[in-house]
Amino acid sequence: MLFRKVVVGLGNPGLQYQNTPHNLGFEVVDLLASRSRASWETKEGFALTTRMSLGDNNILLAKPQTFMNLSGKSVAGLLDKYEVSVNDFIVVCDDLALPFGKIRIRGQGSSGGHKGLESIIDHLNSSGFTRVRLGIAPEIEVFDAASYVLSPIPKELRDVSEQMVRQGKEAVEMICSLGLEATMNRFN
């Protein structure tokens, strides 16, 4: 099957990581999959995958099962298998540099210190792919970033995170249907 886009949500596998800031990428692709009533039954290489349609376009959704810091191995395998270029690859991930609840769309760039993005850039030898970045920075400074991103989102922020996940879903759909520039103009 030919795919117009491959959309990867970053996160960590396992129940203990559900509802954590680091798994918001998984939540966005889960919401996209539920839109199409798709299920995550297929394991391809190092990822759970499912398919959705957006208009006439087939989209592959993926959740790497390699843990965040090794996401590049999974992504590179999928893009290679389906012969999809980095230009048609979208990654959805958390971003500790953005305020909690803020969404930012980028067409390329550095990892910004995000280990999952760093792994993808290393495995693809390219930083020229689209990112949907979901802000997770708390109002007060965090001294242990690893502990923060792997801890459950506080109840008082859950509504904000759910709204951000819905916006992330809308952004991915808009990128796939109207393109990157229009999406950046709306969300940035």
N, C-alpha and C. Protein backbone atom coordinates (compact mmCIF):
# COMPACT_ATOMS: atom_id res chain seq x y z
N MET A 1 0.84 -1.18 0.00
CA MET A 1 0.00 0.00 0.00
C MET A 1 0.89 1.24 0.00
N LEU A 2 0.50 2.24 -0.75
CA LEU A 2 1.23 3.50 -0.79
C LEU A 2 0.65 4.46 0.24
N PHE A 3 1.52 5.14 0.95
CA PHE A 3 1.09 6.11 1.95
C PHE A 3 1.55 7.50 1.56
N ARG A 4 0.63 8.45 1.66
CA ARG A 4 0.99 9.84 1.37
C ARG A 4 1.85 10.40 2.50
N LYS A 5 1.53 10.01 3.72
CA LYS A 5 2.27 10.48 4.89
C LYS A 5 2.45 9.34 5.88
N VAL A 6 3.52 9.44 6.65
CA VAL A 6 3.71 8.60 7.82
C VAL A 6 3.71 9.54 9.01
N VAL A 7 2.82 9.28 9.97
CA VAL A 7 2.70 10.11 11.16
C VAL A 7 3.09 9.26 12.36
N VAL A 8 4.12 9.70 13.07
CA VAL A 8 4.62 8.96 14.23
C VAL A 8 4.41 9.80 15.48
N GLY A 9 3.75 9.22 16.46
CA GLY A 9 3.62 9.84 17.77
C GLY A 9 4.68 9.24 18.67
N LEU A 10 5.44 10.10 19.34
CA LEU A 10 6.50 9.60 20.22
C LEU A 10 5.97 9.38 21.63
N GLY A 11 6.54 8.37 22.28
CA GLY A 11 6.19 8.03 23.64
C GLY A 11 6.95 6.79 24.06
N ASN A 12 6.61 6.30 25.23
CA ASN A 12 7.21 5.08 25.75
C ASN A 12 6.13 4.01 25.90
N PRO A 13 6.43 2.77 25.52
CA PRO A 13 5.44 1.70 25.69
C PRO A 13 5.30 1.33 27.17
N GLY A 14 4.13 0.86 27.53
CA GLY A 14 3.91 0.39 28.89
C GLY A 14 2.88 1.24 29.63
N LEU A 15 2.07 0.57 30.43
CA LEU A 15 1.00 1.24 31.17
C LEU A 15 1.54 2.30 32.13
N GLN A 16 2.73 2.09 32.67
CA GLN A 16 3.27 3.04 33.64
C GLN A 16 3.57 4.41 33.03
N TYR A 17 3.60 4.50 31.69
CA TYR A 17 3.90 5.77 31.03
C TYR A 17 2.66 6.47 30.48
N GLN A 18 1.50 5.84 30.59
CA GLN A 18 0.28 6.48 30.13
C GLN A 18 0.03 7.74 30.94
N ASN A 19 -0.54 8.74 30.29
CA ASN A 19 -0.89 10.01 30.94
C ASN A 19 0.31 10.77 31.47
N THR A 20 1.46 10.58 30.86
CA THR A 20 2.65 11.35 31.21
C THR A 20 2.93 12.35 30.09
N PRO A 21 3.61 13.46 30.40
CA PRO A 21 3.93 14.43 29.35
C PRO A 21 4.69 13.81 28.18
N HIS A 22 5.57 12.87 28.46
CA HIS A 22 6.40 12.27 27.41
C HIS A 22 5.59 11.43 26.43
N ASN A 23 4.36 11.06 26.79
CA ASN A 23 3.55 10.20 25.93
C ASN A 23 2.43 10.94 25.20
N LEU A 24 2.49 12.26 25.17
CA LEU A 24 1.45 13.02 24.48
C LEU A 24 1.44 12.74 22.97
N GLY A 25 2.59 12.42 22.40
CA GLY A 25 2.63 12.05 20.98
C GLY A 25 1.80 10.80 20.72
N PHE A 26 1.91 9.81 21.61
CA PHE A 26 1.08 8.61 21.50
C PHE A 26 -0.41 8.99 21.56
N GLU A 27 -0.76 9.92 22.46
CA GLU A 27 -2.16 10.30 22.62
C GLU A 27 -2.72 10.92 21.34
N VAL A 28 -1.91 11.73 20.65
CA VAL A 28 -2.37 12.36 19.41
C VAL A 28 -2.65 11.30 18.34
N VAL A 29 -1.72 10.36 18.14
CA VAL A 29 -1.96 9.35 17.11
C VAL A 29 -3.07 8.38 17.53
N ASP A 30 -3.24 8.16 18.83
CA ASP A 30 -4.39 7.37 19.30
C ASP A 30 -5.70 8.05 18.92
N LEU A 31 -5.76 9.37 19.08
CA LEU A 31 -6.97 10.12 18.73
C LEU A 31 -7.21 10.08 17.22
N LEU A 32 -6.14 10.20 16.44
CA LEU A 32 -6.26 10.08 14.98
C LEU A 32 -6.79 8.70 14.59
N ALA A 33 -6.26 7.66 15.23
CA ALA A 33 -6.70 6.30 14.93
C ALA A 33 -8.17 6.10 15.30
N SER A 34 -8.58 6.64 16.44
CA SER A 34 -9.98 6.47 16.86
C SER A 34 -10.93 7.19 15.91
N ARG A 35 -10.46 8.28 15.29
CA ARG A 35 -11.26 9.02 14.30
C ARG A 35 -11.64 8.09 13.15
N SER A 36 -10.73 7.20 12.80
CA SER A 36 -10.96 6.27 11.69
C SER A 36 -11.40 4.89 12.18
N ARG A 37 -11.63 4.78 13.48
CA ARG A 37 -11.99 3.49 14.08
C ARG A 37 -10.94 2.42 13.78
N ALA A 38 -9.71 2.88 13.71
CA ALA A 38 -8.59 1.97 13.45
C ALA A 38 -8.06 1.43 14.78
N SER A 39 -7.47 0.26 14.73
CA SER A 39 -6.90 -0.32 15.95
C SER A 39 -5.40 -0.57 15.74
N TRP A 40 -4.70 -0.65 16.85
CA TRP A 40 -3.24 -0.81 16.85
C TRP A 40 -2.86 -2.28 16.91
N GLU A 41 -3.38 -3.08 16.03
CA GLU A 41 -3.14 -4.51 16.08
C GLU A 41 -1.87 -4.95 15.36
N THR A 42 -1.37 -4.11 14.48
CA THR A 42 -0.23 -4.52 13.66
C THR A 42 1.07 -4.06 14.29
N LYS A 43 2.00 -5.00 14.44
CA LYS A 43 3.34 -4.63 14.89
C LYS A 43 4.28 -4.82 13.72
N GLU A 44 4.86 -3.71 13.27
CA GLU A 44 5.79 -3.75 12.14
C GLU A 44 7.16 -3.34 12.64
N GLY A 45 8.09 -4.27 12.58
CA GLY A 45 9.42 -3.95 13.05
C GLY A 45 9.38 -3.57 14.51
N PHE A 46 9.66 -2.31 14.77
CA PHE A 46 9.74 -1.83 16.14
C PHE A 46 8.62 -0.84 16.46
N ALA A 47 7.46 -0.98 15.82
CA ALA A 47 6.37 -0.04 16.05
C ALA A 47 5.01 -0.72 15.94
N LEU A 48 4.05 -0.18 16.66
CA LEU A 48 2.65 -0.52 16.43
C LEU A 48 2.17 0.41 15.34
N THR A 49 1.46 -0.13 14.36
CA THR A 49 0.98 0.70 13.25
C THR A 49 -0.50 0.46 12.99
N THR A 50 -1.09 1.44 12.36
CA THR A 50 -2.45 1.33 11.85
C THR A 50 -2.57 2.31 10.69
N ARG A 51 -3.64 2.18 9.96
CA ARG A 51 -3.82 3.01 8.78
C ARG A 51 -5.08 3.83 8.92
N MET A 52 -5.07 5.01 8.32
CA MET A 52 -6.26 5.84 8.27
C MET A 52 -6.32 6.52 6.91
N SER A 53 -7.48 6.96 6.54
CA SER A 53 -7.66 7.71 5.30
C SER A 53 -8.09 9.12 5.65
N LEU A 54 -7.59 10.05 4.90
CA LEU A 54 -7.98 11.45 5.02
C LEU A 54 -8.27 11.91 3.60
N GLY A 55 -9.56 11.96 3.27
CA GLY A 55 -9.93 12.19 1.87
C GLY A 55 -9.48 10.99 1.06
N ASP A 56 -8.72 11.25 0.01
CA ASP A 56 -8.21 10.17 -0.84
C ASP A 56 -6.81 9.71 -0.42
N ASN A 57 -6.32 10.23 0.68
CA ASN A 57 -4.94 9.96 1.09
C ASN A 57 -4.87 8.87 2.15
N ASN A 58 -3.99 7.91 1.93
CA ASN A 58 -3.71 6.88 2.93
C ASN A 58 -2.58 7.38 3.82
N ILE A 59 -2.80 7.27 5.12
CA ILE A 59 -1.83 7.72 6.11
C ILE A 59 -1.47 6.53 7.00
N LEU A 60 -0.18 6.33 7.23
CA LEU A 60 0.28 5.31 8.17
C LEU A 60 0.53 6.00 9.50
N LEU A 61 -0.09 5.51 10.56
CA LEU A 61 0.14 6.00 11.92
C LEU A 61 1.02 5.00 12.63
N ALA A 62 1.94 5.50 13.45
CA ALA A 62 2.85 4.59 14.15
C ALA A 62 3.16 5.09 15.56
N LYS A 63 3.36 4.11 16.45
CA LYS A 63 3.83 4.35 17.82
C LYS A 63 5.05 3.46 18.03
N PRO A 64 6.25 4.04 18.01
CA PRO A 64 7.45 3.24 18.23
C PRO A 64 7.38 2.51 19.58
N GLN A 65 7.88 1.29 19.59
CA GLN A 65 7.89 0.48 20.82
C GLN A 65 9.32 0.30 21.34
N THR A 66 10.20 1.16 20.91
CA THR A 66 11.62 1.07 21.26
C THR A 66 12.00 1.91 22.46
N PHE A 67 11.06 2.60 23.06
CA PHE A 67 11.28 3.63 24.06
C PHE A 67 11.79 4.89 23.36
N MET A 68 11.50 6.00 23.98
CA MET A 68 11.71 7.32 23.38
C MET A 68 13.09 7.50 22.78
N ASN A 69 14.13 7.21 23.56
CA ASN A 69 15.49 7.54 23.13
C ASN A 69 16.00 6.72 21.95
N LEU A 70 15.26 5.70 21.55
CA LEU A 70 15.65 4.86 20.41
C LEU A 70 14.63 4.93 19.28
N SER A 71 13.82 5.95 19.26
CA SER A 71 12.73 6.08 18.28
C SER A 71 13.22 6.07 16.84
N GLY A 72 14.42 6.55 16.59
CA GLY A 72 14.94 6.64 15.23
C GLY A 72 15.01 5.30 14.53
N LYS A 73 15.33 4.25 15.27
CA LYS A 73 15.42 2.91 14.68
C LYS A 73 14.07 2.50 14.10
N SER A 74 13.02 2.74 14.83
CA SER A 74 11.67 2.40 14.39
C SER A 74 11.25 3.24 13.19
N VAL A 75 11.47 4.55 13.29
CA VAL A 75 11.07 5.47 12.22
C VAL A 75 11.81 5.16 10.92
N ALA A 76 13.12 4.98 11.00
CA ALA A 76 13.91 4.70 9.79
C ALA A 76 13.43 3.43 9.11
N GLY A 77 13.11 2.41 9.90
CA GLY A 77 12.62 1.16 9.33
C GLY A 77 11.30 1.33 8.60
N LEU A 78 10.38 2.12 9.17
CA LEU A 78 9.08 2.33 8.52
C LEU A 78 9.22 3.14 7.24
N LEU A 79 10.00 4.22 7.29
CA LEU A 79 10.16 5.05 6.09
C LEU A 79 10.83 4.26 4.97
N ASP A 80 11.78 3.41 5.34
CA ASP A 80 12.46 2.58 4.35
C ASP A 80 11.50 1.54 3.76
N LYS A 81 10.77 0.87 4.63
CA LYS A 81 9.85 -0.19 4.18
C LYS A 81 8.80 0.35 3.20
N TYR A 82 8.26 1.52 3.50
CA TYR A 82 7.18 2.07 2.67
C TYR A 82 7.67 3.10 1.66
N GLU A 83 8.98 3.26 1.57
CA GLU A 83 9.60 4.17 0.61
C GLU A 83 9.00 5.57 0.71
N VAL A 84 8.92 6.07 1.94
CA VAL A 84 8.40 7.41 2.22
C VAL A 84 9.58 8.32 2.52
N SER A 85 9.60 9.48 1.89
CA SER A 85 10.71 10.43 2.10
C SER A 85 10.50 11.19 3.41
N VAL A 86 11.57 11.80 3.90
CA VAL A 86 11.46 12.60 5.12
C VAL A 86 10.49 13.76 4.93
N ASN A 87 10.30 14.20 3.70
CA ASN A 87 9.36 15.29 3.42
C ASN A 87 7.91 14.90 3.70
N ASP A 88 7.64 13.60 3.71
CA ASP A 88 6.28 13.11 3.94
C ASP A 88 6.15 12.43 5.30
N PHE A 89 7.03 12.79 6.20
CA PHE A 89 7.06 12.23 7.56
C PHE A 89 6.73 13.33 8.55
N ILE A 90 5.82 13.03 9.47
CA ILE A 90 5.42 13.96 10.53
C ILE A 90 5.65 13.28 11.86
N VAL A 91 6.31 13.96 12.78
CA VAL A 91 6.48 13.43 14.13
C VAL A 91 5.73 14.34 15.11
N VAL A 92 5.05 13.71 16.06
CA VAL A 92 4.33 14.43 17.11
C VAL A 92 5.01 14.10 18.43
N CYS A 93 5.45 15.15 19.14
CA CYS A 93 6.20 14.90 20.38
C CYS A 93 5.99 16.01 21.39
N ASP A 94 6.36 15.71 22.61
CA ASP A 94 6.34 16.69 23.69
C ASP A 94 7.53 17.64 23.53
N ASP A 95 7.42 18.83 24.13
CA ASP A 95 8.51 19.80 24.07
C ASP A 95 8.59 20.56 25.38
N LEU A 96 9.66 20.32 26.11
CA LEU A 96 9.87 20.95 27.42
C LEU A 96 10.24 22.43 27.30
N ALA A 97 10.52 22.91 26.08
CA ALA A 97 10.86 24.32 25.88
C ALA A 97 9.62 25.18 25.63
N LEU A 98 8.47 24.57 25.42
CA LEU A 98 7.23 25.31 25.18
C LEU A 98 6.35 25.26 26.43
N PRO A 99 5.65 26.36 26.73
CA PRO A 99 4.74 26.36 27.88
C PRO A 99 3.68 25.26 27.76
N PHE A 100 3.28 24.72 28.89
CA PHE A 100 2.29 23.65 28.92
C PHE A 100 1.02 24.10 28.20
N GLY A 101 0.60 23.31 27.21
CA GLY A 101 -0.62 23.60 26.46
C GLY A 101 -0.39 24.29 25.13
N LYS A 102 0.81 24.81 24.91
CA LYS A 102 1.14 25.50 23.65
C LYS A 102 1.51 24.48 22.59
N ILE A 103 1.10 24.73 21.35
CA ILE A 103 1.45 23.84 20.24
C ILE A 103 2.26 24.64 19.23
N ARG A 104 3.25 24.01 18.64
CA ARG A 104 4.07 24.68 17.63
C ARG A 104 4.36 23.69 16.51
N ILE A 105 4.25 24.17 15.27
CA ILE A 105 4.50 23.36 14.08
C ILE A 105 5.78 23.85 13.43
N ARG A 106 6.65 22.93 13.06
CA ARG A 106 7.90 23.26 12.38
C ARG A 106 8.12 22.29 11.22
N GLY A 107 8.72 22.81 10.16
CA GLY A 107 9.01 21.99 8.98
C GLY A 107 10.37 21.34 9.02
N GLN A 108 11.21 21.78 9.95
CA GLN A 108 12.55 21.21 10.11
C GLN A 108 13.16 21.82 11.36
N GLY A 109 14.36 21.41 11.69
CA GLY A 109 15.05 22.00 12.84
C GLY A 109 15.86 20.99 13.61
N SER A 110 16.41 21.47 14.70
CA SER A 110 17.25 20.63 15.54
C SER A 110 16.38 19.80 16.48
N SER A 111 17.04 18.99 17.28
CA SER A 111 16.31 18.17 18.26
C SER A 111 15.87 19.00 19.45
N GLY A 112 16.52 20.13 19.67
CA GLY A 112 16.19 20.95 20.83
C GLY A 112 16.43 20.23 22.14
N GLY A 113 17.32 19.23 22.12
CA GLY A 113 17.61 18.46 23.32
C GLY A 113 16.67 17.29 23.55
N HIS A 114 15.68 17.10 22.69
CA HIS A 114 14.73 15.99 22.82
C HIS A 114 15.39 14.72 22.31
N LYS A 115 15.56 13.74 23.18
CA LYS A 115 16.30 12.52 22.82
C LYS A 115 15.61 11.70 21.73
N GLY A 116 14.29 11.69 21.70
CA GLY A 116 13.58 10.98 20.64
C GLY A 116 13.83 11.62 19.28
N LEU A 117 13.74 12.95 19.22
CA LEU A 117 14.03 13.65 17.96
C LEU A 117 15.48 13.47 17.56
N GLU A 118 16.36 13.52 18.54
CA GLU A 118 17.79 13.32 18.27
C GLU A 118 18.04 11.95 17.63
N SER A 119 17.40 10.93 18.15
CA SER A 119 17.54 9.58 17.60
C SER A 119 17.01 9.52 16.16
N ILE A 120 15.89 10.16 15.91
CA ILE A 120 15.32 10.17 14.56
C ILE A 120 16.25 10.89 13.59
N ILE A 121 16.74 12.05 13.98
CA ILE A 121 17.66 12.81 13.13
C ILE A 121 18.90 11.98 12.82
N ASP A 122 19.45 11.32 13.83
CA ASP A 122 20.64 10.48 13.63
C ASP A 122 20.37 9.33 12.66
N HIS A 123 19.24 8.65 12.81
CA HIS A 123 18.93 7.49 11.96
C HIS A 123 18.54 7.87 10.53
N LEU A 124 17.94 9.05 10.37
CA LEU A 124 17.53 9.49 9.03
C LEU A 124 18.61 10.32 8.34
N ASN A 125 19.62 10.72 9.11
CA ASN A 125 20.64 11.65 8.59
C ASN A 125 19.99 12.90 8.00
N SER A 126 18.92 13.33 8.64
CA SER A 126 18.20 14.51 8.16
C SER A 126 17.37 15.10 9.30
N SER A 127 17.27 16.42 9.30
CA SER A 127 16.38 17.09 10.24
C SER A 127 15.23 17.76 9.48
N GLY A 128 15.08 17.40 8.20
CA GLY A 128 14.10 18.04 7.33
C GLY A 128 12.73 17.40 7.34
N PHE A 129 12.21 17.10 8.51
CA PHE A 129 10.87 16.52 8.61
C PHE A 129 10.00 17.41 9.50
N THR A 130 8.70 17.26 9.33
CA THR A 130 7.73 18.10 10.05
C THR A 130 7.57 17.62 11.49
N ARG A 131 7.47 18.60 12.39
CA ARG A 131 7.24 18.31 13.81
C ARG A 131 5.99 19.02 14.28
N VAL A 132 5.17 18.32 15.03
CA VAL A 132 4.08 18.92 15.78
C VAL A 132 4.53 18.81 17.23
N ARG A 133 4.91 19.95 17.79
CA ARG A 133 5.49 19.98 19.14
C ARG A 133 4.43 20.41 20.15
N LEU A 134 4.30 19.64 21.21
CA LEU A 134 3.30 19.88 22.24
C LEU A 134 3.99 20.35 23.51
N GLY A 135 3.68 21.58 23.92
CA GLY A 135 4.36 22.17 25.07
C GLY A 135 4.01 21.52 26.39
N ILE A 136 5.05 21.19 27.15
CA ILE A 136 4.84 20.53 28.45
C ILE A 136 5.56 21.25 29.59
N ALA A 137 6.17 22.41 29.32
CA ALA A 137 6.93 23.10 30.37
C ALA A 137 6.00 23.56 31.48
N PRO A 138 6.33 23.22 32.72
CA PRO A 138 5.50 23.67 33.84
C PRO A 138 5.77 25.15 34.14
N GLU A 139 4.89 25.74 34.94
CA GLU A 139 5.06 27.16 35.29
C GLU A 139 6.28 27.39 36.16
N ILE A 140 6.62 26.41 36.99
CA ILE A 140 7.81 26.54 37.82
C ILE A 140 8.92 25.65 37.27
N GLU A 141 10.15 26.07 37.47
CA GLU A 141 11.29 25.33 36.92
C GLU A 141 11.37 23.92 37.50
N VAL A 142 11.70 22.98 36.63
CA VAL A 142 11.83 21.58 37.02
C VAL A 142 13.32 21.26 37.15
N PHE A 143 13.69 20.65 38.27
CA PHE A 143 15.10 20.32 38.49
C PHE A 143 15.46 18.95 37.94
N ASP A 144 14.49 18.06 37.85
CA ASP A 144 14.73 16.72 37.31
C ASP A 144 13.79 16.50 36.13
N ALA A 145 14.23 16.91 34.95
CA ALA A 145 13.39 16.85 33.76
C ALA A 145 12.92 15.43 33.46
N ALA A 146 13.82 14.44 33.62
CA ALA A 146 13.46 13.05 33.32
C ALA A 146 12.31 12.59 34.21
N SER A 147 12.38 12.91 35.48
CA SER A 147 11.32 12.52 36.40
C SER A 147 10.01 13.22 36.04
N TYR A 148 10.10 14.49 35.70
CA TYR A 148 8.90 15.26 35.34
C TYR A 148 8.19 14.68 34.12
N VAL A 149 8.93 14.43 33.03
CA VAL A 149 8.28 13.97 31.79
C VAL A 149 7.73 12.55 31.90
N LEU A 150 8.22 11.79 32.88
CA LEU A 150 7.76 10.41 33.06
C LEU A 150 6.77 10.25 34.21
N SER A 151 6.37 11.37 34.82
CA SER A 151 5.38 11.35 35.90
C SER A 151 4.01 11.70 35.35
N PRO A 152 2.95 11.21 35.98
CA PRO A 152 1.60 11.52 35.48
C PRO A 152 1.35 13.03 35.43
N ILE A 153 0.61 13.44 34.41
CA ILE A 153 0.21 14.85 34.30
C ILE A 153 -0.72 15.16 35.47
N PRO A 154 -0.45 16.25 36.20
CA PRO A 154 -1.31 16.59 37.34
C PRO A 154 -2.77 16.79 36.91
N LYS A 155 -3.69 16.43 37.80
CA LYS A 155 -5.11 16.52 37.49
C LYS A 155 -5.51 17.92 37.03
N GLU A 156 -4.93 18.94 37.64
CA GLU A 156 -5.31 20.31 37.30
C GLU A 156 -4.87 20.72 35.89
N LEU A 157 -3.98 19.94 35.28
CA LEU A 157 -3.52 20.23 33.91
C LEU A 157 -4.10 19.26 32.88
N ARG A 158 -4.87 18.29 33.33
CA ARG A 158 -5.37 17.26 32.41
C ARG A 158 -6.29 17.85 31.33
N ASP A 159 -7.16 18.81 31.69
CA ASP A 159 -8.02 19.43 30.69
C ASP A 159 -7.20 20.16 29.64
N VAL A 160 -6.15 20.85 30.08
CA VAL A 160 -5.27 21.57 29.16
C VAL A 160 -4.57 20.57 28.24
N SER A 161 -4.09 19.46 28.79
CA SER A 161 -3.38 18.48 27.95
C SER A 161 -4.34 17.83 26.96
N GLU A 162 -5.58 17.56 27.37
CA GLU A 162 -6.56 16.97 26.45
C GLU A 162 -6.88 17.93 25.31
N GLN A 163 -6.99 19.22 25.61
CA GLN A 163 -7.22 20.22 24.56
C GLN A 163 -6.03 20.28 23.61
N MET A 164 -4.82 20.21 24.16
CA MET A 164 -3.62 20.25 23.33
C MET A 164 -3.55 19.01 22.43
N VAL A 165 -3.93 17.86 22.93
CA VAL A 165 -3.95 16.63 22.12
C VAL A 165 -4.95 16.78 20.98
N ARG A 166 -6.12 17.36 21.26
CA ARG A 166 -7.10 17.60 20.19
C ARG A 166 -6.54 18.56 19.14
N GLN A 167 -5.84 19.61 19.60
CA GLN A 167 -5.22 20.55 18.66
C GLN A 167 -4.12 19.86 17.85
N GLY A 168 -3.36 18.99 18.48
CA GLY A 168 -2.33 18.24 17.77
C GLY A 168 -2.93 17.38 16.68
N LYS A 169 -4.04 16.73 16.97
CA LYS A 169 -4.76 15.92 15.98
C LYS A 169 -5.21 16.79 14.82
N GLU A 170 -5.81 17.95 15.14
CA GLU A 170 -6.27 18.87 14.09
C GLU A 170 -5.10 19.35 13.24
N ALA A 171 -3.98 19.62 13.88
CA ALA A 171 -2.80 20.09 13.14
C ALA A 171 -2.30 19.03 12.16
N VAL A 172 -2.23 17.78 12.61
CA VAL A 172 -1.79 16.69 11.72
C VAL A 172 -2.75 16.56 10.55
N GLU A 173 -4.05 16.56 10.83
CA GLU A 173 -5.04 16.46 9.74
C GLU A 173 -4.89 17.61 8.75
N MET A 174 -4.65 18.81 9.26
CA MET A 174 -4.51 19.98 8.39
C MET A 174 -3.23 19.90 7.56
N ILE A 175 -2.14 19.45 8.16
CA ILE A 175 -0.89 19.27 7.40
C ILE A 175 -1.13 18.31 6.24
N CYS A 176 -1.82 17.20 6.53
CA CYS A 176 -2.06 16.17 5.51
C CYS A 176 -3.02 16.63 4.42
N SER A 177 -3.91 17.54 4.74
CA SER A 177 -4.90 17.96 3.75
C SER A 177 -4.60 19.31 3.10
N LEU A 178 -4.11 20.28 3.88
CA LEU A 178 -3.89 21.63 3.35
C LEU A 178 -2.43 22.03 3.24
N GLY A 179 -1.55 21.26 3.85
CA GLY A 179 -0.12 21.56 3.76
C GLY A 179 0.45 22.23 5.00
N LEU A 180 1.76 22.27 5.04
CA LEU A 180 2.50 22.77 6.20
C LEU A 180 2.31 24.26 6.42
N GLU A 181 2.44 25.06 5.38
CA GLU A 181 2.36 26.52 5.53
C GLU A 181 1.03 26.97 6.12
N ALA A 182 -0.07 26.45 5.58
CA ALA A 182 -1.39 26.82 6.09
C ALA A 182 -1.54 26.41 7.55
N THR A 183 -1.00 25.25 7.89
CA THR A 183 -1.08 24.76 9.27
C THR A 183 -0.25 25.62 10.20
N MET A 184 0.96 25.98 9.77
CA MET A 184 1.80 26.85 10.59
C MET A 184 1.13 28.21 10.80
N ASN A 185 0.50 28.74 9.77
CA ASN A 185 -0.19 30.03 9.89
C ASN A 185 -1.33 29.97 10.90
N ARG A 186 -1.98 28.84 10.99
CA ARG A 186 -3.10 28.71 11.93
C ARG A 186 -2.64 28.46 13.37
N PHE A 187 -1.65 27.60 13.55
CA PHE A 187 -1.31 27.16 14.90
C PHE A 187 -0.14 27.90 15.55
N ASN A 188 0.75 28.48 14.77
CA ASN A 188 1.93 29.13 15.37
C ASN A 188 1.65 30.58 15.73
